[in-house]
Amino acid sequence: MLQSFLPKASLLMISTEHVIVFGLIALLLFGGKKIPELMRGLGSGIREFNEAKQNVKKEIEEGIHKETSIPPAPPSAPVGSDVPKSA
C-alpha cells in the first residue's frame, strides 16, 4: 500500500526551484507594491480564521463542562404513591 502512495506523493512535492518560480510569477503579475498588501490581507485572514477556530473550540468546551456539571435530577416518586388507599 505504501508503494502505491509514494509515486503520487512525489508529484506533490515542491522544491526550492518551484518556490522561486512561483515567486517570480507573482512578482510579475502583481508588482512589487501589491505583494505586501496581499500578504497583509492573507495574514489578517489567517488571524481571523484562528480566532474563530478558538471561539468555536471554547464554546464546545464550555458546553461539555456545563453538561458534566449539571447535577442529576432527584429520582421521582413512583406513580400512585400519593393517592390514599381506600379500605
PDB file of N, CA and C in Angstrom:
ATOM      1  N   MET A   1       0.821  -1.178   0.000  1.00  0.00           N
ATOM      2  CA  MET A   1       0.000   0.000   0.000  1.00  0.00           C
ATOM      3  C   MET A   1       0.870   1.249   0.000  1.00  0.00           C
ATOM      4  N   LEU A   2       1.934   1.258   0.775  1.00  0.00           N
ATOM      5  CA  LEU A   2       2.829   2.402   0.827  1.00  0.00           C
ATOM      6  C   LEU A   2       3.480   2.641  -0.535  1.00  0.00           C
ATOM      7  N   GLN A   3       3.763   1.564  -1.239  1.00  0.00           N
ATOM      8  CA  GLN A   3       4.399   1.703  -2.546  1.00  0.00           C
ATOM      9  C   GLN A   3       3.456   2.366  -3.547  1.00  0.00           C
ATOM     10  N   SER A   4       2.175   2.120  -3.439  1.00  0.00           N
ATOM     11  CA  SER A   4       1.240   2.735  -4.371  1.00  0.00           C
ATOM     12  C   SER A   4       1.044   4.216  -4.050  1.00  0.00           C
ATOM     13  N   PHE A   5       1.319   4.634  -2.808  1.00  0.00           N
ATOM     14  CA  PHE A   5       1.147   6.029  -2.416  1.00  0.00           C
ATOM     15  C   PHE A   5       2.364   6.873  -2.793  1.00  0.00           C
ATOM     16  N   LEU A   6       3.541   6.305  -2.752  1.00  0.00           N
ATOM     17  CA  LEU A   6       4.765   7.073  -2.974  1.00  0.00           C
ATOM     18  C   LEU A   6       4.837   7.763  -4.339  1.00  0.00           C
ATOM     19  N   PRO A   7       4.480   7.124  -5.440  1.00  0.00           N
ATOM     20  CA  PRO A   7       4.557   7.841  -6.709  1.00  0.00           C
ATOM     21  C   PRO A   7       3.620   9.052  -6.748  1.00  0.00           C
ATOM     22  N   LYS A   8       2.449   8.953  -6.135  1.00  0.00           N
ATOM     23  CA  LYS A   8       1.524  10.076  -6.109  1.00  0.00           C
ATOM     24  C   LYS A   8       2.051  11.195  -5.216  1.00  0.00           C
ATOM     25  N   ALA A   9       2.672  10.838  -4.103  1.00  0.00           N
ATOM     26  CA  ALA A   9       3.193  11.840  -3.179  1.00  0.00           C
ATOM     27  C   ALA A   9       4.365  12.590  -3.796  1.00  0.00           C
ATOM     28  N   SER A  10       5.156  11.925  -4.619  1.00  0.00           N
ATOM     29  CA  SER A  10       6.299  12.602  -5.213  1.00  0.00           C
ATOM     30  C   SER A  10       5.854  13.670  -6.212  1.00  0.00           C
ATOM     31  N   LEU A  11       4.659  13.540  -6.743  1.00  0.00           N
ATOM     32  CA  LEU A  11       4.155  14.561  -7.646  1.00  0.00           C
ATOM     33  C   LEU A  11       3.761  15.834  -6.901  1.00  0.00           C
ATOM     34  N   LEU A  12       3.459  15.722  -5.621  1.00  0.00           N
ATOM     35  CA  LEU A  12       3.016  16.859  -4.835  1.00  0.00           C
ATOM     36  C   LEU A  12       4.156  17.600  -4.150  1.00  0.00           C
ATOM     37  N   MET A  13       5.365  17.107  -4.216  1.00  0.00           N
ATOM     38  CA  MET A  13       6.497  17.743  -3.549  1.00  0.00           C
ATOM     39  C   MET A  13       6.887  19.018  -4.287  1.00  0.00           C
ATOM     40  N   ILE A  14       7.149  20.062  -3.507  1.00  0.00           N
ATOM     41  CA  ILE A  14       7.545  21.343  -4.083  1.00  0.00           C
ATOM     42  C   ILE A  14       9.002  21.584  -3.709  1.00  0.00           C
ATOM     43  N   SER A  15       9.824  21.830  -4.696  1.00  0.00           N
ATOM     44  CA  SER A  15      11.237  22.073  -4.441  1.00  0.00           C
ATOM     45  C   SER A  15      11.504  23.570  -4.337  1.00  0.00           C
ATOM     46  N   THR A  16      12.724  23.919  -4.023  1.00  0.00           N
ATOM     47  CA  THR A  16      13.121  25.319  -3.909  1.00  0.00           C
ATOM     48  C   THR A  16      12.968  26.032  -5.245  1.00  0.00           C
ATOM     49  N   GLU A  17      13.260  25.350  -6.315  1.00  0.00           N
ATOM     50  CA  GLU A  17      13.134  25.956  -7.646  1.00  0.00           C
ATOM     51  C   GLU A  17      11.682  26.328  -7.932  1.00  0.00           C
ATOM     52  N   HIS A  18      10.756  25.459  -7.524  1.00  0.00           N
ATOM     53  CA  HIS A  18       9.339  25.752  -7.725  1.00  0.00           C
ATOM     54  C   HIS A  18       8.919  27.005  -6.968  1.00  0.00           C
ATOM     55  N   VAL A  19       9.381  27.128  -5.735  1.00  0.00           N
ATOM     56  CA  VAL A  19       9.033  28.293  -4.923  1.00  0.00           C
ATOM     57  C   VAL A  19       9.569  29.565  -5.568  1.00  0.00           C
ATOM     58  N   ILE A  20      10.798  29.521  -6.087  1.00  0.00           N
ATOM     59  CA  ILE A  20      11.386  30.692  -6.741  1.00  0.00           C
ATOM     60  C   ILE A  20      10.595  31.063  -7.991  1.00  0.00           C
ATOM     61  N   VAL A  21      10.212  30.074  -8.783  1.00  0.00           N
ATOM     62  CA  VAL A  21       9.437  30.342  -9.998  1.00  0.00           C
ATOM     63  C   VAL A  21       8.076  30.931  -9.644  1.00  0.00           C
ATOM     64  N   PHE A  22       7.413  30.371  -8.631  1.00  0.00           N
ATOM     65  CA  PHE A  22       6.125  30.917  -8.211  1.00  0.00           C
ATOM     66  C   PHE A  22       6.274  32.350  -7.718  1.00  0.00           C
ATOM     67  N   GLY A  23       7.341  32.627  -6.988  1.00  0.00           N
ATOM     68  CA  GLY A  23       7.597  33.982  -6.507  1.00  0.00           C
ATOM     69  C   GLY A  23       7.802  34.963  -7.645  1.00  0.00           C
ATOM     70  N   LEU A  24       8.552  34.557  -8.644  1.00  0.00           N
ATOM     71  CA  LEU A  24       8.782  35.437  -9.801  1.00  0.00           C
ATOM     72  C   LEU A  24       7.491  35.685 -10.576  1.00  0.00           C
ATOM     73  N   ILE A  25       6.690  34.666 -10.733  1.00  0.00           N
ATOM     74  CA  ILE A  25       5.411  34.832 -11.428  1.00  0.00           C
ATOM     75  C   ILE A  25       4.508  35.786 -10.650  1.00  0.00           C
ATOM     76  N   ALA A  26       4.469  35.634  -9.327  1.00  0.00           N
ATOM     77  CA  ALA A  26       3.661  36.542  -8.505  1.00  0.00           C
ATOM     78  C   ALA A  26       4.176  37.966  -8.607  1.00  0.00           C
ATOM     79  N   LEU A  27       5.479  38.140  -8.630  1.00  0.00           N
ATOM     80  CA  LEU A  27       6.067  39.474  -8.765  1.00  0.00           C
ATOM     81  C   LEU A  27       5.703  40.103 -10.096  1.00  0.00           C
ATOM     82  N   LEU A  28       5.716  39.305 -11.160  1.00  0.00           N
ATOM     83  CA  LEU A  28       5.352  39.830 -12.479  1.00  0.00           C
ATOM     84  C   LEU A  28       3.860  40.159 -12.560  1.00  0.00           C
ATOM     85  N   LEU A  29       3.026  39.317 -11.958  1.00  0.00           N
ATOM     86  CA  LEU A  29       1.586  39.544 -12.041  1.00  0.00           C
ATOM     87  C   LEU A  29       1.114  40.723 -11.194  1.00  0.00           C
ATOM     88  N   PHE A  30       1.621  40.829  -9.977  1.00  0.00           N
ATOM     89  CA  PHE A  30       1.086  41.808  -9.047  1.00  0.00           C
ATOM     90  C   PHE A  30       1.969  43.034  -8.872  1.00  0.00           C
ATOM     91  N   GLY A  31       3.232  42.937  -9.165  1.00  0.00           N
ATOM     92  CA  GLY A  31       4.136  44.063  -8.961  1.00  0.00           C
ATOM     93  C   GLY A  31       4.641  44.101  -7.535  1.00  0.00           C
ATOM     94  N   GLY A  32       5.704  44.857  -7.339  1.00  0.00           N
ATOM     95  CA  GLY A  32       6.362  44.915  -6.035  1.00  0.00           C
ATOM     96  C   GLY A  32       5.544  45.625  -4.979  1.00  0.00           C
ATOM     97  N   LYS A  33       4.655  46.535  -5.373  1.00  0.00           N
ATOM     98  CA  LYS A  33       3.890  47.299  -4.388  1.00  0.00           C
ATOM     99  C   LYS A  33       2.658  46.546  -3.896  1.00  0.00           C
ATOM    100  N   LYS A  34       2.124  45.679  -4.703  1.00  0.00           N
ATOM    101  CA  LYS A  34       0.904  44.964  -4.327  1.00  0.00           C
ATOM    102  C   LYS A  34       1.174  43.744  -3.449  1.00  0.00           C
ATOM    103  N   ILE A  35       2.333  43.148  -3.568  1.00  0.00           N
ATOM    104  CA  ILE A  35       2.621  41.911  -2.831  1.00  0.00           C
ATOM    105  C   ILE A  35       2.549  42.120  -1.314  1.00  0.00           C
ATOM    106  N   PRO A  36       3.132  43.207  -0.751  1.00  0.00           N
ATOM    107  CA  PRO A  36       2.979  43.391   0.708  1.00  0.00           C
ATOM    108  C   PRO A  36       1.525  43.551   1.133  1.00  0.00           C
ATOM    109  N   GLU A  37       0.721  44.217   0.318  1.00  0.00           N
ATOM    110  CA  GLU A  37      -0.701  44.359   0.637  1.00  0.00           C
ATOM    111  C   GLU A  37      -1.402  43.004   0.611  1.00  0.00           C
ATOM    112  N   LEU A  38      -1.063  42.188  -0.371  1.00  0.00           N
ATOM    113  CA  LEU A  38      -1.656  40.847  -0.451  1.00  0.00           C
ATOM    114  C   LEU A  38      -1.263  39.998   0.752  1.00  0.00           C
ATOM    115  N   MET A  39       0.006  40.061   1.152  1.00  0.00           N
ATOM    116  CA  MET A  39       0.467  39.276   2.295  1.00  0.00           C
ATOM    117  C   MET A  39      -0.184  39.779   3.583  1.00  0.00           C
ATOM    118  N   ARG A  40      -0.375  41.093   3.716  1.00  0.00           N
ATOM    119  CA  ARG A  40      -1.034  41.650   4.885  1.00  0.00           C
ATOM    120  C   ARG A  40      -2.472  41.143   4.965  1.00  0.00           C
ATOM    121  N   GLY A  41      -3.152  41.147   3.829  1.00  0.00           N
ATOM    122  CA  GLY A  41      -4.519  40.637   3.787  1.00  0.00           C
ATOM    123  C   GLY A  41      -4.585  39.156   4.101  1.00  0.00           C
ATOM    124  N   LEU A  42      -3.629  38.403   3.582  1.00  0.00           N
ATOM    125  CA  LEU A  42      -3.568  36.973   3.866  1.00  0.00           C
ATOM    126  C   LEU A  42      -3.322  36.734   5.349  1.00  0.00           C
ATOM    127  N   GLY A  43      -2.437  37.511   5.947  1.00  0.00           N
ATOM    128  CA  GLY A  43      -2.144  37.374   7.372  1.00  0.00           C
ATOM    129  C   GLY A  43      -3.354  37.690   8.231  1.00  0.00           C
ATOM    130  N   SER A  44      -4.078  38.758   7.880  1.00  0.00           N
ATOM    131  CA  SER A  44      -5.262  39.097   8.680  1.00  0.00           C
ATOM    132  C   SER A  44      -6.349  38.048   8.501  1.00  0.00           C
ATOM    133  N   GLY A  45      -6.470  37.472   7.313  1.00  0.00           N
ATOM    134  CA  GLY A  45      -7.443  36.399   7.099  1.00  0.00           C
ATOM    135  C   GLY A  45      -7.117  35.169   7.920  1.00  0.00           C
ATOM    136  N   ILE A  46      -5.853  34.811   7.977  1.00  0.00           N
ATOM    137  CA  ILE A  46      -5.432  33.660   8.781  1.00  0.00           C
ATOM    138  C   ILE A  46      -5.667  33.944  10.259  1.00  0.00           C
ATOM    139  N   ARG A  47      -5.375  35.176  10.696  1.00  0.00           N
ATOM    140  CA  ARG A  47      -5.595  35.554  12.096  1.00  0.00           C
ATOM    141  C   ARG A  47      -7.079  35.451  12.456  1.00  0.00           C
ATOM    142  N   GLU A  48      -7.953  35.948  11.602  1.00  0.00           N
ATOM    143  CA  GLU A  48      -9.391  35.875  11.855  1.00  0.00           C
ATOM    144  C   GLU A  48      -9.874  34.424  11.899  1.00  0.00           C
ATOM    145  N   PHE A  49      -9.347  33.602  10.997  1.00  0.00           N
ATOM    146  CA  PHE A  49      -9.714  32.189  10.983  1.00  0.00           C
ATOM    147  C   PHE A  49      -9.308  31.518  12.286  1.00  0.00           C
ATOM    148  N   ASN A  50      -8.094  31.794  12.766  1.00  0.00           N
ATOM    149  CA  ASN A  50      -7.634  31.177  14.009  1.00  0.00           C
ATOM    150  C   ASN A  50      -8.456  31.651  15.204  1.00  0.00           C
ATOM    151  N   GLU A  51      -8.839  32.934  15.226  1.00  0.00           N
ATOM    152  CA  GLU A  51      -9.686  33.442  16.313  1.00  0.00           C
ATOM    153  C   GLU A  51     -11.053  32.758  16.299  1.00  0.00           C
ATOM    154  N   ALA A  52     -11.630  32.608  15.119  1.00  0.00           N
ATOM    155  CA  ALA A  52     -12.925  31.934  15.015  1.00  0.00           C
ATOM    156  C   ALA A  52     -12.808  30.478  15.450  1.00  0.00           C
ATOM    157  N   LYS A  53     -11.721  29.838  15.082  1.00  0.00           N
ATOM    158  CA  LYS A  53     -11.495  28.443  15.471  1.00  0.00           C
ATOM    159  C   LYS A  53     -11.381  28.322  16.987  1.00  0.00           C
ATOM    160  N   GLN A  54     -10.669  29.257  17.622  1.00  0.00           N
ATOM    161  CA  GLN A  54     -10.536  29.239  19.077  1.00  0.00           C
ATOM    162  C   GLN A  54     -11.877  29.487  19.760  1.00  0.00           C
ATOM    163  N   ASN A  55     -12.684  30.399  19.194  1.00  0.00           N
ATOM    164  CA  ASN A  55     -14.004  30.677  19.772  1.00  0.00           C
ATOM    165  C   ASN A  55     -14.907  29.449  19.719  1.00  0.00           C
ATOM    166  N   VAL A  56     -14.899  28.763  18.601  1.00  0.00           N
ATOM    167  CA  VAL A  56     -15.716  27.555  18.462  1.00  0.00           C
ATOM    168  C   VAL A  56     -15.237  26.484  19.442  1.00  0.00           C
ATOM    169  N   LYS A  57     -13.928  26.329  19.560  1.00  0.00           N
ATOM    170  CA  LYS A  57     -13.370  25.338  20.483  1.00  0.00           C
ATOM    171  C   LYS A  57     -13.760  25.672  21.921  1.00  0.00           C
ATOM    172  N   LYS A  58     -13.695  26.966  22.283  1.00  0.00           N
ATOM    173  CA  LYS A  58     -14.056  27.395  23.637  1.00  0.00           C
ATOM    174  C   LYS A  58     -15.533  27.140  23.912  1.00  0.00           C
ATOM    175  N   GLU A  59     -16.402  27.431  22.931  1.00  0.00           N
ATOM    176  CA  GLU A  59     -17.838  27.204  23.114  1.00  0.00           C
ATOM    177  C   GLU A  59     -18.144  25.717  23.292  1.00  0.00           C
ATOM    178  N   ILE A  60     -17.475  24.892  22.532  1.00  0.00           N
ATOM    179  CA  ILE A  60     -17.687  23.439  22.649  1.00  0.00           C
ATOM    180  C   ILE A  60     -17.239  22.957  24.023  1.00  0.00           C
ATOM    181  N   GLU A  61     -16.059  23.422  24.475  1.00  0.00           N
ATOM    182  CA  GLU A  61     -15.571  23.004  25.787  1.00  0.00           C
ATOM    183  C   GLU A  61     -16.492  23.490  26.896  1.00  0.00           C
ATOM    184  N   GLU A  62     -17.010  24.728  26.785  1.00  0.00           N
ATOM    185  CA  GLU A  62     -17.941  25.239  27.796  1.00  0.00           C
ATOM    186  C   GLU A  62     -19.227  24.414  27.808  1.00  0.00           C
ATOM    187  N   GLY A  63     -19.709  24.022  26.640  1.00  0.00           N
ATOM    188  CA  GLY A  63     -20.903  23.182  26.570  1.00  0.00           C
ATOM    189  C   GLY A  63     -20.681  21.834  27.210  1.00  0.00           C
ATOM    190  N   ILE A  64     -19.505  21.266  27.011  1.00  0.00           N
ATOM    191  CA  ILE A  64     -19.197  19.967  27.613  1.00  0.00           C
ATOM    192  C   ILE A  64     -19.134  20.108  29.126  1.00  0.00           C
ATOM    193  N   HIS A  65     -18.508  21.187  29.621  1.00  0.00           N
ATOM    194  CA  HIS A  65     -18.399  21.380  31.066  1.00  0.00           C
ATOM    195  C   HIS A  65     -19.770  21.620  31.698  1.00  0.00           C
ATOM    196  N   LYS A  66     -20.655  22.341  30.981  1.00  0.00           N
ATOM    197  CA  LYS A  66     -21.995  22.572  31.514  1.00  0.00           C
ATOM    198  C   LYS A  66     -22.764  21.266  31.618  1.00  0.00           C
ATOM    199  N   GLU A  67     -22.626  20.403  30.618  1.00  0.00           N
ATOM    200  CA  GLU A  67     -23.342  19.125  30.634  1.00  0.00           C
ATOM    201  C   GLU A  67     -22.841  18.225  31.752  1.00  0.00           C
ATOM    202  N   THR A  68     -21.541  18.252  32.003  1.00  0.00           N
ATOM    203  CA  THR A  68     -20.999  17.365  33.043  1.00  0.00           C
ATOM    204  C   THR A  68     -21.195  17.936  34.433  1.00  0.00           C
ATOM    205  N   SER A  69     -21.401  19.246  34.571  1.00  0.00           N
ATOM    206  CA  SER A  69     -21.542  19.838  35.901  1.00  0.00           C
ATOM    207  C   SER A  69     -22.995  19.909  36.365  1.00  0.00           C
ATOM    208  N   ILE A  70     -23.961  19.602  35.517  1.00  0.00           N
ATOM    209  CA  ILE A  70     -25.366  19.614  35.915  1.00  0.00           C
ATOM    210  C   ILE A  70     -25.623  18.409  36.810  1.00  0.00           C
ATOM    211  N   PRO A  71     -26.126  18.658  38.060  1.00  0.00           N
ATOM    212  CA  PRO A  71     -26.381  17.515  38.945  1.00  0.00           C
ATOM    213  C   PRO A  71     -27.564  16.707  38.417  1.00  0.00           C
ATOM    214  N   PRO A  72     -27.533  15.417  38.629  1.00  0.00           N
ATOM    215  CA  PRO A  72     -28.648  14.597  38.143  1.00  0.00           C
ATOM    216  C   PRO A  72     -29.928  14.944  38.898  1.00  0.00           C
ATOM    217  N   ALA A  73     -31.046  14.826  38.242  1.00  0.00           N
ATOM    218  CA  ALA A  73     -32.346  15.113  38.851  1.00  0.00           C
ATOM    219  C   ALA A  73     -32.635  14.073  39.910  1.00  0.00           C
ATOM    220  N   PRO A  74     -33.302  14.495  41.002  1.00  0.00           N
ATOM    221  CA  PRO A  74     -33.633  13.504  42.041  1.00  0.00           C
ATOM    222  C   PRO A  74     -34.628  12.496  41.479  1.00  0.00           C
ATOM    223  N   PRO A  75     -34.557  11.282  41.946  1.00  0.00           N
ATOM    224  CA  PRO A  75     -35.486  10.269  41.421  1.00  0.00           C
ATOM    225  C   PRO A  75     -36.917  10.639  41.789  1.00  0.00           C
ATOM    226  N   SER A  76     -37.806  10.449  40.843  1.00  0.00           N
ATOM    227  CA  SER A  76     -39.206  10.792  41.097  1.00  0.00           C
ATOM    228  C   SER A  76     -39.885   9.659  41.854  1.00  0.00           C
ATOM    229  N   ALA A  77     -40.926  10.040  42.572  1.00  0.00           N
ATOM    230  CA  ALA A  77     -41.681   9.055  43.341  1.00  0.00           C
ATOM    231  C   ALA A  77     -42.475   8.181  42.382  1.00  0.00           C
ATOM    232  N   PRO A  78     -42.698   6.933  42.736  1.00  0.00           N
ATOM    233  CA  PRO A  78     -43.476   6.054  41.853  1.00  0.00           C
ATOM    234  C   PRO A  78     -44.883   6.593  41.658  1.00  0.00           C
ATOM    235  N   VAL A  79     -45.445   6.325  40.532  1.00  0.00           N
ATOM    236  CA  VAL A  79     -46.766   6.806  40.202  1.00  0.00           C
ATOM    237  C   VAL A  79     -47.786   6.161  41.127  1.00  0.00           C
ATOM    238  N   GLY A  80     -48.661   6.979  41.714  1.00  0.00           N
ATOM    239  CA  GLY A  80     -49.715   6.458  42.573  1.00  0.00           C
ATOM    240  C   GLY A  80     -49.333   6.383  44.026  1.00  0.00           C
ATOM    241  N   SER A  81     -48.147   6.812  44.418  1.00  0.00           N
ATOM    242  CA  SER A  81     -47.765   6.715  45.819  1.00  0.00           C
ATOM    243  C   SER A  81     -48.433   7.801  46.662  1.00  0.00           C
ATOM    244  N   ASP A  82     -48.878   8.914  46.049  1.00  0.00           N
ATOM    245  CA  ASP A  82     -49.520   9.981  46.781  1.00  0.00           C
ATOM    246  C   ASP A  82     -51.011   9.740  46.951  1.00  0.00           C
ATOM    247  N   VAL A  83     -51.551   8.820  46.238  1.00  0.00           N
ATOM    248  CA  VAL A  83     -53.002   8.547  46.291  1.00  0.00           C
ATOM    249  C   VAL A  83     -53.303   7.717  47.520  1.00  0.00           C
ATOM    250  N   PRO A  84     -54.215   8.200  48.376  1.00  0.00           N
ATOM    251  CA  PRO A  84     -54.547   7.404  49.569  1.00  0.00           C
ATOM    252  C   PRO A  84     -55.300   6.127  49.171  1.00  0.00           C
ATOM    253  N   LYS A  85     -55.005   5.085  49.862  1.00  0.00           N
ATOM    254  CA  LYS A  85     -55.648   3.805  49.570  1.00  0.00           C
ATOM    255  C   LYS A  85     -56.953   3.707  50.370  1.00  0.00           C
ATOM    256  N   SER A  86     -57.974   3.280  49.740  1.00  0.00           N
ATOM    257  CA  SER A  86     -59.262   3.118  50.425  1.00  0.00           C
ATOM    258  C   SER A  86     -59.365   1.704  50.951  1.00  0.00           C
ATOM    259  N   ALA A  87     -59.976   1.589  52.143  1.00  0.00           N
ATOM    260  CA  ALA A  87     -60.055   0.277  52.768  1.00  0.00           C
ATOM    261  C   ALA A  87     -61.352  -0.383  52.548  1.00  0.00           C
TER     262      ALA A  87
END
